[in-house]
Amino acid sequence: MHIAPPAASPDRPPLGTALAVAERRPRLFLLLLCLLLYLPGFFTLPATDRDEARFAQATRQMVETGDHVRIRFGEEERNKKPAGIHWLQSASVQALEAAGLGSRDDIWAYRVPSFAGAVLAVLATFHWGRALVGRRAAFLGAAMLASSLVLVIEAHIAKTDAALLAVVTAAMGLFGAAYLRPGAFSAKQAAAFWLVLGASVLLKGPVGPMVPLLAGITLAVADKGAPWLKALRPLWGVPLMLLAGAPWFVAIGIATEGRFFAEAVGGDMLAKIGSGEEKHWGPPGYYLLTFPIAAFPGAWIVLLALPSGWRDRRTVAAARFLLAWAVPSWLVFEAVQTKLPHYTLPLFPALMLLGAAWAMDPLRRIPPRRWWRAAAVAALVLVAVGFGLAALAAPWFTLRGVLWPWGAFLAPPLALLLLWAVLCAARRGDHGRAALLGALLAALPYAAALEGVAPRLQPLWIAPRLEALLAERAPGLPASDFGITGYAEPSAVFAVGTGTNLLRTGGDAARFLAGAPGRVVAVGNRAEADFRAEAAALRIAPVEIGTVTGLNYTRGRWITLILYRLDP
C-alpha cells in the first residue's frame, strides 16, 4: 500500500529573506554555498598522507604509462579497490593539462572529482529530497549536508568518498521515487538507478549497492511487502549494473591473473571487517559519538529530529524511507572493526533531510525531551568551541614559536559567531533559520582553518619542502637517482617523482648512494647511525647538503631528514 509523502511546508518562508531569495534560484544558491565552503584551501593545501597522496600517485602513474587497468604505486601493484576514482582523476588531470590550467604535478588537479562529487551530492539531495520532505526542507537539508565538516574535508582530498556520496545519493533518490510512487517510476529511471549503482561498484566495490539493499530489506519487512520492487525492474536491472563494471573486472582479472580478487576481497575488505588490520579500530557506537563532529554544524538539528522521525516511521512513508536509508547501514558500519569518520558519509543526506523536515514544519514538530535537547545543544557548543581552539592551538604545537598564521586568530571568534547566531535563532523557536545560519556561517571558520591555518603549518608539509630543497641543492636530479629512508610516505613520492626509491634501512640508503654517481639520499635521524656505519664499511664519504625537519603526523613524531651525496 502506498503511503503519501508528508505535506509541503507552510507557504510563509520561516527562514526569512535569505531563503526567500534562495527559493527563486535554489540550485544556484547551493552551488555558491559549495564554492564558499570548498574553495578555501583547495589549491593551497599540499598533498596529504596517506590515502590522498597514494591515490594521486597511482593516478599519475596511469597517466604516465597509459595503463588504466592496473593500479600501481611505484613498482608495487596495489589492486585493492576498483579503478573508478583513478579514471575520474586521470580524466581531470588530462583535461586540465590540455586546457593549460594545471599539470599532473598539481595535487589540486586530482581533487577535482572529489570537489565535483561533493557539489553533485548536495544538488542531488535537493533534487530528490523535494519529493520526500518538500521543497524548502530539501533545500535546507542540502545546505546542511554541504556544510558538514566531514564532507568539507572530503571535498579537499583526492580520493573516493565524495564521489561515492554523489552516486549513492542519486541511487537512493531514484529508489525513493520508486518507493513513494511505484506506478509512475519509468524504465528510464530504473535504468539510471542500476547504472548509478554500477558506477558505485567501480568506485568502492560493494559499499554503494549495500545501502539500497539494506534499505530495501528494511522497507519490505516494515511494510510487509515491496510493491516498489517491480518498478525497479531488477530482472534486467541487476545484469545492467553488473555489465557496467564487467569490462574492467574482466580486464583486471586477466592482467593480474586473478590476484585482484584475492587482494581486494581477502586482503582489503575482509581485513577491515574482521581484524581491524588497518589500525583504525573503534568500538561500537564510535560513529554515534563522533557524529556531532562529522556533521557539524547541522548535527544538533538531526539529533533533535530523531525522536520525531522515529515516531513518524509508522505513518509517514518518507520518514520510514529516510530511516531505512540510514539506520541499517549505520549499524553495519558500527559493527565493522575498521572505522573512519567518512565511512558513514553516504547516509548523511537521509539524516540531513530528516532533520530539515523537522526544523521546517513547526505544526508537526514535537520537541524532544529536555535532557536530549540539552545534549544536542551541548554537542553543538563543544564542537564549535573545540574547532576554534584547535585552529588556535595547531600553530602552538607545530610552529614552535614562529609567527602564527592569521587564520589561527580568526577561527575562534568566527566559530563563536556561528554559535551565537544559531543559538539566538533556536531560542526564538526558529530551528529552520538556525540550521540555515549554521550552514552559511560555517564557511567563515572553515575558510580561516583551511586557507589561513593548515597550509601555513610548514612542519606538517615535509614532502614539498624536501622537493624544494632537492631542486635547490641538486637541480635537475632525476627521481630515479633519489632515495629516502625514515619517511616512507606517499607524499614524498608524489612530490619528488614516480621513480623515487623508498629504502627500508640506513644501510640500504648507503648502498644505494654508492651504487652510481650523482645519487642523493635522504636519511631519517633514526636511521642515521645505521647509514654512517654502512657508509664506513663501503669506504664512502657522504657529504651533507641540507636538512628538513618536520612533524610526521601519520606517526605522531618529529623527524629530521638529512640529505647526502658523494663528493665528486
Protein backbone atom coordinates (compact mmCIF):
# COMPACT_ATOMS: atom_id res chain seq x y z
CA MET A 1 0.00 0.00 0.00
CA HIS A 2 1.38 3.39 -0.98
CA ILE A 3 1.59 5.96 1.77
CA ALA A 4 1.56 9.59 0.65
CA PRO A 5 4.57 11.77 1.43
CA PRO A 6 4.27 14.48 4.04
CA ALA A 7 2.62 17.71 3.10
CA ALA A 8 4.79 20.60 1.96
CA SER A 9 5.92 23.26 4.36
CA PRO A 10 3.71 26.27 5.02
CA ASP A 11 3.79 28.98 2.35
CA ARG A 12 5.34 31.60 4.63
CA PRO A 13 9.13 31.20 4.39
CA PRO A 14 10.20 30.80 8.03
CA LEU A 15 13.85 31.36 7.16
CA GLY A 16 13.24 34.95 6.15
CA THR A 17 14.72 36.85 3.26
CA ALA A 18 17.70 34.54 2.69
CA LEU A 19 15.51 31.55 1.97
CA ALA A 20 13.01 33.66 0.02
CA VAL A 21 15.83 34.68 -2.33
CA ALA A 22 17.20 31.15 -2.41
CA GLU A 23 13.80 29.75 -3.37
CA ARG A 24 13.96 31.55 -6.70
CA ARG A 25 17.33 30.02 -7.62
CA PRO A 26 17.89 27.19 -5.12
CA ARG A 27 20.45 25.28 -7.20
CA LEU A 28 22.48 28.40 -7.88
CA PHE A 29 22.34 29.28 -4.18
CA LEU A 30 23.54 25.80 -3.20
CA LEU A 31 26.29 25.92 -5.82
CA LEU A 32 27.55 29.24 -4.48
CA LEU A 33 27.40 27.88 -0.94
CA CYS A 34 29.51 24.89 -2.01
CA LEU A 35 32.07 27.20 -3.61
CA LEU A 36 32.31 29.23 -0.40
CA LEU A 37 32.79 26.05 1.62
CA TYR A 38 35.10 24.05 -0.64
CA LEU A 39 37.35 26.53 -2.45
CA PRO A 40 39.35 27.79 0.59
CA GLY A 41 42.40 25.54 0.86
CA PHE A 42 41.54 23.58 -2.28
CA PHE A 43 44.53 24.88 -4.24
CA THR A 44 46.88 25.66 -1.35
CA LEU A 45 46.77 22.52 0.81
CA PRO A 46 49.69 20.23 -0.12
CA ALA A 47 49.10 16.54 -0.76
CA THR A 48 48.12 14.81 2.48
CA ASP A 49 49.22 11.40 3.70
CA ARG A 50 48.35 8.74 3.34
CA ASP A 51 45.36 7.98 1.16
CA GLU A 52 45.29 11.18 -0.89
CA ALA A 53 48.94 11.09 -1.94
CA ARG A 54 48.72 7.35 -2.65
CA PHE A 55 45.59 7.73 -4.79
CA ALA A 56 47.05 10.70 -6.68
CA GLN A 57 50.39 8.99 -7.30
CA ALA A 58 48.67 5.85 -8.60
CA THR A 59 46.61 8.01 -10.95
CA ARG A 60 49.71 9.89 -12.12
CA GLN A 61 51.33 6.59 -13.00
CA MET A 62 48.24 5.68 -15.02
CA VAL A 63 48.60 8.96 -16.91
CA GLU A 64 52.34 8.43 -17.42
CA THR A 65 52.11 4.81 -18.56
CA GLY A 66 48.73 4.80 -20.30
CA ASP A 67 47.81 1.65 -18.36
CA HIS A 68 44.35 2.39 -16.93
CA VAL A 69 43.67 -1.18 -15.80
CA ARG A 70 46.29 -1.95 -13.17
CA ILE A 71 46.78 0.30 -10.15
CA ARG A 72 50.43 0.88 -9.26
CA PHE A 73 52.29 2.82 -6.61
CA GLY A 74 55.92 2.92 -7.70
CA GLU A 75 56.86 -0.59 -8.74
CA GLU A 76 54.24 -2.13 -6.45
CA GLU A 77 50.82 -3.15 -7.73
CA ARG A 78 48.04 -2.06 -5.34
CA ASN A 79 44.98 -3.71 -6.84
CA LYS A 80 42.88 -3.49 -3.70
CA LYS A 81 39.99 -1.35 -4.96
CA PRO A 82 38.29 -0.76 -8.32
CA ALA A 83 39.78 1.88 -10.60
CA GLY A 84 36.79 4.20 -10.95
CA ILE A 85 38.23 7.09 -8.95
CA HIS A 86 41.55 6.82 -10.78
CA TRP A 87 39.73 7.14 -14.12
CA LEU A 88 37.95 10.26 -12.91
CA GLN A 89 41.19 11.75 -11.63
CA SER A 90 43.03 10.83 -14.82
CA ALA A 91 40.34 12.49 -16.93
CA SER A 92 40.53 15.59 -14.73
CA VAL A 93 44.31 15.84 -14.95
CA GLN A 94 44.47 15.30 -18.71
CA ALA A 95 41.65 17.78 -19.36
CA LEU A 96 43.37 20.44 -17.23
CA GLU A 97 46.69 19.80 -18.95
CA ALA A 98 45.06 20.06 -22.37
CA ALA A 99 43.48 23.36 -21.37
CA GLY A 100 46.76 24.65 -19.91
CA LEU A 101 45.19 25.16 -16.47
CA GLY A 102 47.09 22.61 -14.42
CA SER A 103 49.51 19.71 -14.55
CA ARG A 104 49.93 16.20 -13.24
CA ASP A 105 52.28 17.60 -10.58
CA ASP A 106 49.49 19.72 -9.03
CA ILE A 107 47.63 17.87 -6.30
CA TRP A 108 44.52 20.01 -6.79
CA ALA A 109 44.12 18.61 -10.30
CA TYR A 110 43.41 15.22 -8.69
CA ARG A 111 40.95 16.76 -6.23
CA VAL A 112 38.51 17.95 -8.89
CA PRO A 113 36.42 14.70 -8.87
CA SER A 114 36.07 14.97 -5.08
CA PHE A 115 35.05 18.62 -5.35
CA ALA A 116 32.55 17.80 -8.10
CA GLY A 117 31.25 14.78 -6.19
CA ALA A 118 30.54 16.89 -3.11
CA VAL A 119 28.69 19.53 -5.16
CA LEU A 120 26.68 16.91 -7.07
CA ALA A 121 25.72 15.17 -3.81
CA VAL A 122 24.37 18.45 -2.43
CA LEU A 123 22.38 19.15 -5.59
CA ALA A 124 21.09 15.57 -5.70
CA THR A 125 19.93 15.85 -2.09
CA PHE A 126 17.85 18.88 -3.03
CA HIS A 127 16.60 17.42 -6.32
CA TRP A 128 15.29 14.13 -4.96
CA GLY A 129 14.63 15.37 -1.45
CA ARG A 130 11.75 17.55 -2.67
CA ALA A 131 9.52 14.53 -3.16
CA LEU A 132 10.39 13.25 0.31
CA VAL A 133 10.21 16.30 2.57
CA GLY A 134 9.06 19.23 0.45
CA ARG A 135 10.98 21.88 -1.46
CA ARG A 136 12.04 24.13 1.43
CA ALA A 137 13.10 21.29 3.68
CA ALA A 138 15.02 19.67 0.81
CA PHE A 139 16.86 22.95 0.26
CA LEU A 140 17.72 23.21 3.95
CA GLY A 141 18.80 19.57 4.12
CA ALA A 142 21.08 20.07 1.11
CA ALA A 143 22.63 23.16 2.72
CA MET A 144 23.20 21.24 5.96
CA LEU A 145 24.88 18.45 4.01
CA ALA A 146 27.08 20.92 2.12
CA SER A 147 28.43 22.40 5.36
CA SER A 148 29.03 19.07 7.15
CA LEU A 149 32.61 19.08 8.37
CA VAL A 150 33.40 15.61 7.02
CA LEU A 151 32.13 16.50 3.53
CA VAL A 152 34.07 19.78 3.51
CA ILE A 153 37.21 17.78 4.29
CA GLU A 154 36.45 15.09 1.71
CA ALA A 155 35.93 17.77 -0.97
CA HIS A 156 39.57 18.76 -0.37
CA ILE A 157 41.00 15.23 -0.60
CA ALA A 158 41.74 13.36 -3.81
CA LYS A 159 40.14 10.02 -3.00
CA THR A 160 36.91 8.07 -3.33
CA ASP A 161 34.40 9.14 -0.73
CA ALA A 162 32.93 12.41 -2.03
CA ALA A 163 32.36 10.83 -5.45
CA LEU A 164 30.81 7.77 -3.78
CA LEU A 165 28.46 10.06 -1.85
CA ALA A 166 27.24 11.59 -5.12
CA VAL A 167 26.36 8.26 -6.73
CA VAL A 168 24.78 6.78 -3.58
CA THR A 169 22.65 9.93 -3.15
CA ALA A 170 21.49 9.69 -6.76
CA ALA A 171 20.71 5.98 -6.40
CA MET A 172 18.77 6.46 -3.17
CA GLY A 173 16.93 9.43 -4.66
CA LEU A 174 15.74 7.25 -7.51
CA PHE A 175 14.90 4.48 -5.05
CA GLY A 176 12.83 6.97 -3.04
CA ALA A 177 10.90 7.95 -6.18
CA ALA A 178 10.13 4.28 -6.84
CA TYR A 179 9.12 3.74 -3.20
CA LEU A 180 6.73 6.68 -2.98
CA ARG A 181 5.19 6.36 -6.47
CA PRO A 182 5.96 2.96 -7.96
CA GLY A 183 3.31 3.35 -10.66
CA ALA A 184 4.96 6.49 -12.03
CA PHE A 185 8.52 5.12 -11.98
CA SER A 186 9.66 4.75 -15.58
CA ALA A 187 12.00 2.26 -17.22
CA LYS A 188 14.48 5.09 -17.87
CA GLN A 189 14.55 5.89 -14.17
CA ALA A 190 15.08 2.22 -13.37
CA ALA A 191 17.95 2.02 -15.86
CA ALA A 192 19.51 5.12 -14.30
CA PHE A 193 19.21 3.55 -10.84
CA TRP A 194 21.07 0.40 -11.84
CA LEU A 195 23.70 2.24 -13.89
CA VAL A 196 24.43 4.54 -10.96
CA LEU A 197 24.85 1.50 -8.73
CA GLY A 198 27.23 0.06 -11.33
CA ALA A 199 29.25 3.26 -11.12
CA SER A 200 29.32 2.95 -7.32
CA VAL A 201 30.78 -0.56 -7.66
CA LEU A 202 33.59 0.84 -9.80
CA LEU A 203 34.25 3.45 -7.13
CA LYS A 204 34.21 1.38 -3.93
CA GLY A 205 33.04 -2.13 -4.58
CA PRO A 206 30.03 -3.38 -2.58
CA VAL A 207 29.57 -0.30 -0.37
CA GLY A 208 27.33 1.52 -2.86
CA PRO A 209 24.87 -1.33 -3.52
CA MET A 210 24.84 -2.22 0.19
CA VAL A 211 22.94 0.95 1.11
CA PRO A 212 19.86 0.42 -1.13
CA LEU A 213 19.95 -3.34 -0.50
CA LEU A 214 19.70 -2.97 3.28
CA ALA A 215 17.17 -0.16 2.91
CA GLY A 216 15.05 -2.34 0.62
CA ILE A 217 15.10 -5.28 3.02
CA THR A 218 14.16 -2.99 5.91
CA LEU A 219 11.27 -1.40 3.99
CA ALA A 220 9.96 -4.76 2.79
CA VAL A 221 9.85 -6.03 6.38
CA ALA A 222 8.34 -2.81 7.75
CA ASP A 223 5.67 -2.59 5.03
CA LYS A 224 5.11 -6.36 4.84
CA GLY A 225 5.57 -6.13 1.10
CA ALA A 226 7.60 -4.50 -1.65
CA PRO A 227 5.40 -3.06 -4.41
CA TRP A 228 8.31 -0.84 -5.42
CA LEU A 229 10.48 -3.83 -6.38
CA LYS A 230 8.65 -4.40 -9.64
CA ALA A 231 9.07 -0.71 -10.51
CA LEU A 232 12.87 -1.04 -10.19
CA ARG A 233 12.91 -3.85 -12.85
CA PRO A 234 15.59 -5.97 -11.11
CA LEU A 235 15.34 -8.81 -13.66
CA TRP A 236 17.18 -6.75 -16.23
CA GLY A 237 18.46 -4.07 -13.85
CA VAL A 238 20.87 -6.29 -11.90
CA PRO A 239 22.54 -7.59 -15.10
CA LEU A 240 22.78 -3.98 -16.29
CA MET A 241 24.54 -3.00 -13.05
CA LEU A 242 26.98 -5.90 -13.41
CA LEU A 243 27.53 -5.12 -17.07
CA ALA A 244 28.53 -1.54 -16.21
CA GLY A 245 31.58 -2.76 -14.31
CA ALA A 246 32.23 -6.08 -16.04
CA PRO A 247 34.78 -4.90 -18.65
CA TRP A 248 37.20 -3.56 -16.06
CA PHE A 249 36.75 -6.52 -13.71
CA VAL A 250 37.48 -8.92 -16.57
CA ALA A 251 40.49 -6.86 -17.68
CA ILE A 252 41.97 -6.61 -14.18
CA GLY A 253 41.35 -10.29 -13.57
CA ILE A 254 43.30 -11.15 -16.72
CA ALA A 255 46.04 -8.57 -16.10
CA THR A 256 46.68 -9.77 -12.53
CA GLU A 257 45.96 -13.45 -13.16
CA GLY A 258 43.16 -13.30 -10.59
CA ARG A 259 45.23 -11.69 -7.84
CA PHE A 260 42.98 -8.61 -7.75
CA PHE A 261 40.03 -10.56 -6.35
CA ALA A 262 42.15 -12.19 -3.65
CA GLU A 263 43.74 -8.86 -2.67
CA ALA A 264 40.56 -6.77 -2.83
CA VAL A 265 38.27 -9.23 -1.05
CA GLY A 266 40.62 -11.16 1.19
CA GLY A 267 43.37 -8.65 1.76
CA ASP A 268 41.37 -5.43 1.99
CA MET A 269 37.65 -5.87 2.62
CA LEU A 270 37.76 -8.85 4.99
CA ALA A 271 40.66 -7.31 6.91
CA LYS A 272 38.54 -4.23 7.57
CA ILE A 273 35.52 -6.25 8.60
CA GLY A 274 37.10 -8.81 10.85
CA SER A 275 40.55 -7.97 12.10
CA GLY A 276 40.99 -4.21 12.16
CA GLU A 277 44.37 -4.68 10.47
CA GLU A 278 44.29 -1.14 9.09
CA LYS A 279 44.90 0.29 12.59
CA HIS A 280 41.70 2.31 12.55
CA TRP A 281 39.83 0.30 15.16
CA GLY A 282 36.92 1.81 17.02
CA PRO A 283 34.30 0.44 19.43
CA PRO A 284 30.60 0.05 18.57
CA GLY A 285 29.00 3.45 18.98
CA TYR A 286 32.03 5.23 17.50
CA TYR A 287 30.02 6.84 14.69
CA LEU A 288 27.26 7.97 17.03
CA LEU A 289 29.78 9.60 19.34
CA THR A 290 31.64 11.31 16.50
CA PHE A 291 28.51 12.35 14.58
CA PRO A 292 28.34 15.83 16.21
CA ILE A 293 31.85 16.47 14.86
CA ALA A 294 31.46 14.83 11.44
CA ALA A 295 28.10 16.52 10.73
CA PHE A 296 28.87 19.89 12.37
CA PRO A 297 27.14 22.36 12.33
CA GLY A 298 23.86 20.61 11.41
CA ALA A 299 24.26 17.54 13.61
CA TRP A 300 22.38 19.02 16.55
CA ILE A 301 19.28 19.59 14.36
CA VAL A 302 19.42 15.95 13.26
CA LEU A 303 19.70 14.81 16.87
CA LEU A 304 16.68 16.93 17.85
CA ALA A 305 14.69 15.47 14.94
CA LEU A 306 15.42 11.79 15.58
CA PRO A 307 12.70 11.17 18.23
CA SER A 308 10.06 12.76 16.00
CA GLY A 309 11.31 10.91 12.93
CA TRP A 310 11.26 7.62 14.78
CA ARG A 311 7.68 8.27 15.88
CA ASP A 312 6.64 9.10 12.29
CA ARG A 313 8.11 5.92 10.80
CA ARG A 314 4.77 4.09 11.10
CA THR A 315 2.59 6.74 9.48
CA VAL A 316 4.83 8.79 7.17
CA ALA A 317 6.30 6.94 4.21
CA ALA A 318 9.07 9.46 3.63
CA ALA A 319 10.26 9.27 7.25
CA ARG A 320 10.26 5.48 7.01
CA PHE A 321 12.30 5.61 3.81
CA LEU A 322 14.88 8.02 5.23
CA LEU A 323 15.32 5.91 8.36
CA ALA A 324 15.66 2.77 6.22
CA TRP A 325 18.33 4.58 4.21
CA ALA A 326 20.35 5.49 7.28
CA VAL A 327 19.81 3.05 10.14
CA PRO A 328 20.62 -0.44 8.75
CA SER A 329 23.84 0.64 7.01
CA TRP A 330 24.82 2.68 10.06
CA LEU A 331 24.54 -0.46 12.21
CA VAL A 332 26.72 -2.35 9.72
CA PHE A 333 29.41 0.34 9.90
CA GLU A 334 29.25 0.27 13.69
CA ALA A 335 29.78 -3.50 13.62
CA VAL A 336 32.80 -3.35 11.31
CA GLN A 337 36.04 -3.14 13.28
CA THR A 338 37.84 -0.71 10.96
CA LYS A 339 36.31 2.74 11.48
CA LEU A 340 36.99 6.08 9.83
CA PRO A 341 34.77 9.17 10.11
CA HIS A 342 33.90 9.27 6.39
CA TYR A 343 32.54 5.71 6.21
CA THR A 344 29.01 6.81 7.19
CA LEU A 345 29.00 9.78 4.79
CA PRO A 346 26.64 8.07 2.25
CA LEU A 347 23.97 8.10 4.98
CA PHE A 348 24.22 11.82 5.72
CA PRO A 349 21.73 13.00 3.05
CA ALA A 350 18.96 10.96 4.68
CA LEU A 351 19.79 12.29 8.14
CA MET A 352 20.01 15.90 6.94
CA LEU A 353 16.64 15.64 5.17
CA LEU A 354 15.11 14.13 8.30
CA GLY A 355 16.49 16.97 10.41
CA ALA A 356 15.44 19.65 7.91
CA ALA A 357 11.89 18.28 7.69
CA TRP A 358 11.58 18.57 11.48
CA ALA A 359 13.06 22.06 11.57
CA MET A 360 10.85 23.38 8.77
CA ASP A 361 7.49 22.09 9.95
CA PRO A 362 6.53 23.73 13.27
CA LEU A 363 2.99 22.30 13.01
CA ARG A 364 4.22 18.71 13.18
CA ARG A 365 7.35 19.30 15.21
CA ILE A 366 7.43 17.59 18.59
CA PRO A 367 10.06 18.96 20.99
CA PRO A 368 12.40 16.23 22.28
CA ARG A 369 12.84 15.58 25.97
CA ARG A 370 14.69 18.28 27.83
CA TRP A 371 17.75 16.14 28.53
CA TRP A 372 18.03 15.12 24.86
CA ARG A 373 17.76 18.73 23.74
CA ALA A 374 20.41 19.74 26.29
CA ALA A 375 22.73 17.01 24.99
CA ALA A 376 22.24 18.14 21.37
CA VAL A 377 22.93 21.79 22.20
CA ALA A 378 25.94 20.81 24.33
CA ALA A 379 27.35 18.84 21.39
CA LEU A 380 26.99 21.90 19.14
CA VAL A 381 28.69 24.16 21.68
CA LEU A 382 31.56 21.75 22.37
CA VAL A 383 32.33 21.16 18.70
CA ALA A 384 32.18 24.87 17.79
CA VAL A 385 34.43 25.84 20.67
CA GLY A 386 36.71 22.87 20.03
CA PHE A 387 37.05 23.78 16.34
CA GLY A 388 38.15 27.31 17.19
CA LEU A 389 40.56 26.14 19.89
CA ALA A 390 42.05 23.51 17.57
CA ALA A 391 42.76 26.14 14.92
CA LEU A 392 44.37 28.32 17.58
CA ALA A 393 46.39 25.52 19.15
CA ALA A 394 47.68 23.86 15.95
CA PRO A 395 50.41 26.50 15.36
CA TRP A 396 51.49 26.24 19.00
CA PHE A 397 52.16 22.50 18.59
CA THR A 398 53.78 22.71 15.15
CA LEU A 399 55.43 26.10 14.53
CA ARG A 400 57.24 26.24 17.88
CA GLY A 401 57.48 29.98 18.32
CA VAL A 402 57.35 31.00 14.65
CA LEU A 403 54.87 33.76 13.75
CA TRP A 404 51.38 32.30 13.83
CA PRO A 405 49.20 32.39 10.69
CA TRP A 406 46.32 34.85 10.51
CA GLY A 407 43.66 32.15 10.40
CA ALA A 408 44.57 30.95 13.88
CA PHE A 409 43.32 34.22 15.36
CA LEU A 410 40.20 34.47 13.19
CA ALA A 411 38.87 30.91 13.55
CA PRO A 412 37.85 31.13 17.27
CA PRO A 413 35.77 34.33 17.03
CA LEU A 414 34.20 33.16 13.77
CA ALA A 415 33.23 29.84 15.36
CA LEU A 416 31.73 31.75 18.29
CA LEU A 417 29.83 34.00 15.87
CA LEU A 418 28.30 30.90 14.28
CA LEU A 419 27.38 29.53 17.69
CA TRP A 420 25.81 32.80 18.84
CA ALA A 421 23.71 33.23 15.67
CA VAL A 422 22.47 29.63 15.73
CA LEU A 423 21.54 29.63 19.40
CA CYS A 424 19.78 33.01 19.15
CA ALA A 425 17.59 31.72 16.32
CA ALA A 426 16.92 28.48 18.19
CA ARG A 427 15.97 30.38 21.34
CA ARG A 428 13.22 32.09 19.33
CA GLY A 429 11.98 28.66 18.23
CA ASP A 430 13.04 29.13 14.58
CA HIS A 431 15.12 25.99 14.09
CA GLY A 432 14.96 26.31 10.32
CA ARG A 433 16.65 29.70 10.47
CA ALA A 434 19.16 28.32 12.97
CA ALA A 435 20.09 25.45 10.67
CA LEU A 436 20.49 27.71 7.63
CA LEU A 437 22.55 30.24 9.57
CA GLY A 438 24.80 27.43 10.73
CA ALA A 439 25.33 26.22 7.15
CA LEU A 440 26.09 29.72 5.86
CA LEU A 441 28.29 30.92 8.71
CA ALA A 442 30.28 27.67 8.77
CA ALA A 443 32.05 28.90 5.63
CA LEU A 444 33.89 31.53 7.71
CA PRO A 445 35.72 29.39 10.32
CA TYR A 446 36.27 26.69 7.68
CA ALA A 447 37.99 29.25 5.43
CA ALA A 448 40.10 30.52 8.30
CA ALA A 449 41.25 26.98 9.13
CA LEU A 450 41.67 25.58 5.60
CA GLU A 451 43.20 28.65 3.96
CA GLY A 452 44.61 30.62 6.87
CA VAL A 453 45.99 27.88 9.12
CA ALA A 454 46.54 24.42 7.61
CA PRO A 455 48.63 25.32 4.52
CA ARG A 456 50.85 27.54 6.68
CA LEU A 457 51.78 24.85 9.20
CA GLN A 458 55.09 24.23 7.45
CA PRO A 459 56.36 21.43 9.73
CA LEU A 460 53.42 19.26 8.59
CA TRP A 461 54.34 19.52 4.92
CA ILE A 462 57.63 17.65 4.81
CA ALA A 463 57.38 16.38 1.23
CA PRO A 464 57.06 19.72 -0.63
CA ARG A 465 59.87 21.20 1.48
CA LEU A 466 62.02 18.19 0.67
CA GLU A 467 61.30 18.61 -3.05
CA ALA A 468 62.17 22.33 -2.87
CA LEU A 469 65.45 21.57 -1.10
CA LEU A 470 66.35 18.98 -3.74
CA ALA A 471 65.60 21.47 -6.51
CA GLU A 472 67.93 23.97 -4.82
CA ARG A 473 70.83 21.70 -3.85
CA ALA A 474 70.64 19.09 -6.63
CA PRO A 475 68.89 20.81 -9.56
CA GLY A 476 67.80 18.52 -12.37
CA LEU A 477 68.19 15.35 -10.30
CA PRO A 478 66.06 12.54 -11.77
CA ALA A 479 63.68 10.93 -9.29
CA SER A 480 65.29 7.57 -10.04
CA ASP A 481 68.57 8.89 -8.58
CA PHE A 482 66.93 9.83 -5.30
CA GLY A 483 66.36 7.50 -2.37
CA ILE A 484 64.76 8.08 1.01
CA THR A 485 64.62 6.16 4.26
CA GLY A 486 62.90 7.06 7.51
CA TYR A 487 60.00 8.77 5.76
CA ALA A 488 58.24 6.25 3.54
CA GLU A 489 55.13 8.38 2.98
CA PRO A 490 53.30 8.55 -0.37
CA SER A 491 53.54 12.35 -0.38
CA ALA A 492 57.32 12.10 -0.79
CA VAL A 493 56.91 10.04 -3.96
CA PHE A 494 54.24 12.41 -5.30
CA ALA A 495 56.38 15.48 -4.57
CA VAL A 496 59.73 14.22 -5.91
CA GLY A 497 58.57 11.94 -8.72
CA THR A 498 57.49 8.45 -9.69
CA GLY A 499 60.99 6.96 -9.72
CA THR A 500 61.72 7.83 -6.08
CA ASN A 501 63.32 4.91 -4.27
CA LEU A 502 61.78 4.10 -0.89
CA LEU A 503 64.57 2.42 1.08
CA ARG A 504 63.97 0.32 4.16
CA THR A 505 67.07 0.97 6.28
CA GLY A 506 70.01 3.31 6.64
CA GLY A 507 72.23 0.55 5.29
CA ASP A 508 70.09 0.35 2.16
CA ALA A 509 70.50 4.12 1.77
CA ALA A 510 74.31 3.86 1.94
CA ARG A 511 74.38 1.07 -0.62
CA PHE A 512 72.01 3.00 -2.90
CA LEU A 513 74.24 6.08 -2.66
CA ALA A 514 77.34 4.05 -3.52
CA GLY A 515 75.62 2.31 -6.42
CA ALA A 516 76.02 5.04 -9.04
CA PRO A 517 77.48 8.55 -9.30
CA GLY A 518 75.26 11.58 -8.84
CA ARG A 519 72.76 9.98 -6.49
CA VAL A 520 71.22 11.69 -3.45
CA VAL A 521 69.65 10.11 -0.38
CA ALA A 522 67.51 11.49 2.41
CA VAL A 523 68.16 9.71 5.69
CA GLY A 524 65.88 9.99 8.70
CA ASN A 525 67.55 10.79 12.01
CA ARG A 526 66.57 7.36 13.40
CA ALA A 527 68.41 5.63 10.53
CA GLU A 528 71.47 7.87 10.51
CA ALA A 529 73.69 5.65 12.71
CA ASP A 530 72.98 2.63 10.51
CA PHE A 531 73.65 4.74 7.40
CA ARG A 532 77.00 6.00 8.67
CA ALA A 533 78.11 2.52 9.76
CA GLU A 534 77.34 1.05 6.33
CA ALA A 535 78.99 4.03 4.58
CA ALA A 536 82.15 3.43 6.57
CA ALA A 537 82.07 -0.25 5.64
CA LEU A 538 81.70 0.70 1.98
CA ARG A 539 84.51 3.27 2.31
CA ILE A 540 82.46 6.16 1.00
CA ALA A 541 82.34 9.67 2.42
CA PRO A 542 78.80 11.12 2.10
CA VAL A 543 78.52 14.91 2.14
CA GLU A 544 75.57 16.53 3.89
CA ILE A 545 73.82 19.02 1.61
CA GLY A 546 70.77 20.02 3.69
CA THR A 547 68.18 19.02 6.25
CA VAL A 548 64.41 19.10 6.56
CA THR A 549 62.76 18.88 9.98
CA GLY A 550 59.05 18.36 10.41
CA LEU A 551 56.21 16.50 12.09
CA ASN A 552 55.25 13.18 10.56
CA TYR A 553 51.57 13.44 11.54
CA THR A 554 50.71 9.92 10.38
CA ARG A 555 53.05 8.55 13.06
CA GLY A 556 52.81 11.43 15.51
CA ARG A 557 56.54 12.14 15.83
CA TRP A 558 59.08 14.72 14.77
CA ILE A 559 61.74 13.67 12.26
CA THR A 560 64.77 15.20 10.59
CA LEU A 561 65.71 14.18 7.07
CA ILE A 562 69.38 14.70 6.20
CA LEU A 563 70.30 14.86 2.51
CA TYR A 564 73.59 13.27 1.42
CA ARG A 565 75.51 12.87 -1.79
CA LEU A 566 79.02 11.78 -2.61
CA ASP A 567 81.61 14.43 -3.23
CA PRO A 568 82.66 14.16 -6.90
